[in-house]
Amino acid sequence: MTIREKETYNKTLEMFNGVCAICGNNQVALHHIRYGACGRKTYMGNVIPLCNYHHKLVHSNKKLYQPMLIKMINERIDKYEKL
């Protein structure tokens, strides 16, 4: 893991207070929303914390959940940057 990736992960967890973006569970993994987007996977706006249940759910139907996750992360970034 690069320093930039670690910073992205830490900032993302901070923006979501270390909990699942969907349900608030504090047992999370970081999910990449778009795979191979722009030739890189880990950047702000492409990583979101999800609990195990929601991580599996998102992977079961990426086309359904991807737009929702993109909206959630973009709204959170906008809110975070205004602080």
N, C-alpha and C. Protein backbone atom coordinates (compact mmCIF):
# COMPACT_ATOMS: atom_id res chain seq x y z
N MET A 1 0.85 -1.17 0.00
CA MET A 1 0.00 0.00 0.00
C MET A 1 0.90 1.24 0.00
N THR A 2 0.55 2.18 -0.84
CA THR A 2 1.33 3.41 -0.92
C THR A 2 0.89 4.38 0.17
N ILE A 3 1.70 5.40 0.40
CA ILE A 3 1.35 6.44 1.38
C ILE A 3 0.06 7.14 0.97
N ARG A 4 -0.08 7.43 -0.32
CA ARG A 4 -1.28 8.11 -0.82
C ARG A 4 -2.53 7.24 -0.59
N GLU A 5 -2.42 5.94 -0.82
CA GLU A 5 -3.57 5.05 -0.59
C GLU A 5 -3.93 5.04 0.89
N LYS A 6 -2.93 4.95 1.75
CA LYS A 6 -3.19 4.94 3.19
C LYS A 6 -3.87 6.24 3.63
N GLU A 7 -3.41 7.37 3.11
CA GLU A 7 -4.04 8.65 3.43
C GLU A 7 -5.49 8.69 2.96
N THR A 8 -5.74 8.15 1.77
CA THR A 8 -7.11 8.10 1.24
C THR A 8 -7.99 7.25 2.14
N TYR A 9 -7.52 6.07 2.53
CA TYR A 9 -8.29 5.20 3.42
C TYR A 9 -8.58 5.90 4.74
N ASN A 10 -7.57 6.51 5.33
CA ASN A 10 -7.75 7.18 6.63
C ASN A 10 -8.72 8.34 6.53
N LYS A 11 -8.62 9.15 5.49
CA LYS A 11 -9.52 10.30 5.32
C LYS A 11 -10.95 9.82 5.09
N THR A 12 -11.11 8.77 4.30
CA THR A 12 -12.45 8.22 4.05
C THR A 12 -13.07 7.72 5.34
N LEU A 13 -12.31 6.98 6.14
CA LEU A 13 -12.83 6.49 7.42
C LEU A 13 -13.19 7.67 8.33
N GLU A 14 -12.38 8.70 8.32
CA GLU A 14 -12.67 9.89 9.12
C GLU A 14 -13.97 10.56 8.67
N MET A 15 -14.17 10.68 7.37
CA MET A 15 -15.39 11.32 6.85
C MET A 15 -16.64 10.57 7.27
N PHE A 16 -16.54 9.24 7.42
CA PHE A 16 -17.70 8.43 7.79
C PHE A 16 -17.65 7.99 9.25
N ASN A 17 -16.77 8.63 10.03
CA ASN A 17 -16.64 8.33 11.46
C ASN A 17 -16.35 6.85 11.73
N GLY A 18 -15.70 6.18 10.77
CA GLY A 18 -15.29 4.79 10.95
C GLY A 18 -16.40 3.78 10.92
N VAL A 19 -17.56 4.16 10.37
CA VAL A 19 -18.70 3.23 10.34
C VAL A 19 -19.19 3.01 8.91
N CYS A 20 -19.99 1.98 8.73
CA CYS A 20 -20.58 1.66 7.43
C CYS A 20 -21.39 2.85 6.92
N ALA A 21 -21.18 3.21 5.67
CA ALA A 21 -21.87 4.34 5.06
C ALA A 21 -23.38 4.11 4.96
N ILE A 22 -23.81 2.87 5.00
CA ILE A 22 -25.23 2.56 4.84
C ILE A 22 -25.94 2.37 6.18
N CYS A 23 -25.35 1.58 7.09
CA CYS A 23 -26.08 1.24 8.31
C CYS A 23 -25.44 1.73 9.61
N GLY A 24 -24.21 2.19 9.57
CA GLY A 24 -23.56 2.69 10.77
C GLY A 24 -22.83 1.64 11.60
N ASN A 25 -22.75 0.40 11.11
CA ASN A 25 -22.01 -0.65 11.80
C ASN A 25 -20.54 -0.25 11.86
N ASN A 26 -19.88 -0.49 13.00
CA ASN A 26 -18.48 -0.09 13.12
C ASN A 26 -17.48 -1.15 12.68
N GLN A 27 -17.94 -2.27 12.21
CA GLN A 27 -17.07 -3.32 11.65
C GLN A 27 -17.08 -3.15 10.14
N VAL A 28 -16.07 -2.44 9.59
CA VAL A 28 -16.10 -2.08 8.18
C VAL A 28 -14.86 -2.53 7.42
N ALA A 29 -15.06 -2.62 6.12
CA ALA A 29 -13.97 -2.77 5.15
C ALA A 29 -14.18 -1.65 4.14
N LEU A 30 -13.10 -1.23 3.52
CA LEU A 30 -13.22 -0.17 2.52
C LEU A 30 -13.47 -0.80 1.15
N HIS A 31 -14.52 -0.32 0.52
CA HIS A 31 -14.97 -0.84 -0.77
C HIS A 31 -14.60 0.15 -1.87
N HIS A 32 -14.03 -0.36 -2.95
CA HIS A 32 -13.75 0.47 -4.13
C HIS A 32 -15.01 0.49 -4.99
N ILE A 33 -15.53 1.66 -5.24
CA ILE A 33 -16.79 1.81 -5.97
C ILE A 33 -16.60 1.49 -7.45
N ARG A 34 -15.62 2.10 -8.07
CA ARG A 34 -15.34 1.86 -9.49
C ARG A 34 -14.03 1.10 -9.57
N TYR A 35 -13.99 0.06 -10.36
CA TYR A 35 -12.79 -0.75 -10.48
C TYR A 35 -11.94 -0.29 -11.65
N GLY A 36 -10.69 0.01 -11.39
CA GLY A 36 -9.79 0.44 -12.45
C GLY A 36 -10.14 1.78 -13.05
N ALA A 37 -10.93 2.57 -12.33
CA ALA A 37 -11.36 3.87 -12.85
C ALA A 37 -10.16 4.78 -13.05
N CYS A 38 -10.07 5.37 -14.20
CA CYS A 38 -9.00 6.32 -14.53
C CYS A 38 -7.62 5.70 -14.34
N GLY A 39 -7.52 4.39 -14.45
CA GLY A 39 -6.23 3.74 -14.31
C GLY A 39 -5.75 3.58 -12.88
N ARG A 40 -6.55 4.01 -11.91
CA ARG A 40 -6.17 3.86 -10.50
C ARG A 40 -7.42 3.52 -9.70
N LYS A 41 -7.25 2.76 -8.64
CA LYS A 41 -8.40 2.33 -7.87
C LYS A 41 -8.63 3.15 -6.62
N THR A 42 -7.57 3.56 -5.95
CA THR A 42 -7.71 4.16 -4.63
C THR A 42 -7.51 5.66 -4.71
N TYR A 43 -8.61 6.40 -4.65
CA TYR A 43 -8.58 7.86 -4.60
C TYR A 43 -9.86 8.33 -3.95
N MET A 44 -9.85 9.57 -3.45
CA MET A 44 -11.04 10.11 -2.80
C MET A 44 -12.19 10.11 -3.80
N GLY A 45 -13.31 9.63 -3.36
CA GLY A 45 -14.47 9.54 -4.23
C GLY A 45 -14.66 8.15 -4.81
N ASN A 46 -13.70 7.25 -4.56
CA ASN A 46 -13.83 5.90 -5.08
C ASN A 46 -13.76 4.84 -3.97
N VAL A 47 -13.64 5.27 -2.74
CA VAL A 47 -13.53 4.34 -1.62
C VAL A 47 -14.60 4.72 -0.60
N ILE A 48 -15.31 3.70 -0.09
CA ILE A 48 -16.38 3.96 0.87
C ILE A 48 -16.40 2.81 1.89
N PRO A 49 -16.58 3.13 3.18
CA PRO A 49 -16.61 2.06 4.18
C PRO A 49 -17.97 1.34 4.20
N LEU A 50 -17.89 0.01 4.17
CA LEU A 50 -19.11 -0.80 4.23
C LEU A 50 -18.89 -1.95 5.21
N CYS A 51 -19.94 -2.31 5.94
CA CYS A 51 -19.89 -3.49 6.80
C CYS A 51 -19.90 -4.72 5.90
N ASN A 52 -19.62 -5.87 6.48
CA ASN A 52 -19.54 -7.11 5.71
C ASN A 52 -20.85 -7.39 4.98
N TYR A 53 -21.99 -7.18 5.65
CA TYR A 53 -23.29 -7.45 5.03
C TYR A 53 -23.49 -6.57 3.79
N HIS A 54 -23.27 -5.28 3.93
CA HIS A 54 -23.50 -4.37 2.80
C HIS A 54 -22.43 -4.53 1.72
N HIS A 55 -21.23 -4.90 2.11
CA HIS A 55 -20.19 -5.15 1.11
C HIS A 55 -20.61 -6.31 0.20
N LYS A 56 -21.10 -7.39 0.81
CA LYS A 56 -21.58 -8.54 0.02
C LYS A 56 -22.80 -8.16 -0.82
N LEU A 57 -23.70 -7.38 -0.25
CA LEU A 57 -24.90 -6.96 -0.97
C LEU A 57 -24.53 -6.13 -2.20
N VAL A 58 -23.61 -5.19 -2.03
CA VAL A 58 -23.17 -4.34 -3.15
C VAL A 58 -22.54 -5.20 -4.24
N HIS A 59 -21.72 -6.17 -3.85
CA HIS A 59 -21.10 -7.03 -4.86
C HIS A 59 -22.10 -7.95 -5.55
N SER A 60 -23.25 -8.18 -4.93
CA SER A 60 -24.26 -9.04 -5.55
C SER A 60 -24.99 -8.33 -6.69
N ASN A 61 -24.98 -6.99 -6.69
CA ASN A 61 -25.65 -6.24 -7.75
C ASN A 61 -24.99 -4.87 -7.90
N LYS A 62 -23.81 -4.85 -8.48
CA LYS A 62 -23.03 -3.63 -8.61
C LYS A 62 -23.75 -2.56 -9.42
N LYS A 63 -24.47 -2.95 -10.46
CA LYS A 63 -25.17 -1.97 -11.30
C LYS A 63 -26.24 -1.21 -10.52
N LEU A 64 -26.87 -1.90 -9.59
CA LEU A 64 -27.90 -1.26 -8.77
C LEU A 64 -27.28 -0.33 -7.74
N TYR A 65 -26.25 -0.79 -7.06
CA TYR A 65 -25.71 -0.05 -5.92
C TYR A 65 -24.65 0.99 -6.27
N GLN A 66 -23.95 0.83 -7.38
CA GLN A 66 -22.87 1.75 -7.70
C GLN A 66 -23.33 3.21 -7.76
N PRO A 67 -24.43 3.54 -8.44
CA PRO A 67 -24.87 4.96 -8.47
C PRO A 67 -25.19 5.50 -7.07
N MET A 68 -25.78 4.67 -6.22
CA MET A 68 -26.11 5.09 -4.87
C MET A 68 -24.83 5.39 -4.08
N LEU A 69 -23.83 4.52 -4.20
CA LEU A 69 -22.57 4.72 -3.47
C LEU A 69 -21.83 5.95 -3.98
N ILE A 70 -21.85 6.17 -5.28
CA ILE A 70 -21.20 7.36 -5.85
C ILE A 70 -21.86 8.62 -5.30
N LYS A 71 -23.18 8.63 -5.25
CA LYS A 71 -23.90 9.79 -4.70
C LYS A 71 -23.56 9.99 -3.22
N MET A 72 -23.52 8.90 -2.45
CA MET A 72 -23.22 8.99 -1.03
C MET A 72 -21.83 9.56 -0.78
N ILE A 73 -20.83 9.06 -1.50
CA ILE A 73 -19.46 9.52 -1.27
C ILE A 73 -19.30 10.96 -1.74
N ASN A 74 -19.91 11.32 -2.86
CA ASN A 74 -19.80 12.70 -3.34
C ASN A 74 -20.45 13.69 -2.38
N GLU A 75 -21.60 13.34 -1.83
CA GLU A 75 -22.27 14.21 -0.86
C GLU A 75 -21.42 14.36 0.40
N ARG A 76 -20.81 13.26 0.83
CA ARG A 76 -19.99 13.31 2.04
C ARG A 76 -18.73 14.14 1.81
N ILE A 77 -18.12 14.01 0.65
CA ILE A 77 -16.93 14.80 0.34
C ILE A 77 -17.29 16.29 0.31
N ASP A 78 -18.42 16.65 -0.33
CA ASP A 78 -18.86 18.04 -0.37
C ASP A 78 -19.07 18.60 1.05
N LYS A 79 -19.73 17.83 1.89
CA LYS A 79 -19.99 18.24 3.27
C LYS A 79 -18.68 18.37 4.04
N TYR A 80 -17.80 17.41 3.87
CA TYR A 80 -16.52 17.38 4.58
C TYR A 80 -15.64 18.56 4.20
N GLU A 81 -15.64 18.91 2.92
CA GLU A 81 -14.80 20.01 2.43
C GLU A 81 -15.30 21.37 2.90
N LYS A 82 -16.58 21.47 3.25
CA LYS A 82 -17.15 22.73 3.71
C LYS A 82 -16.83 22.99 5.18
N LEU A 83 -16.38 21.98 5.90
CA LEU A 83 -16.07 22.15 7.33
C LEU A 83 -14.82 22.96 7.54
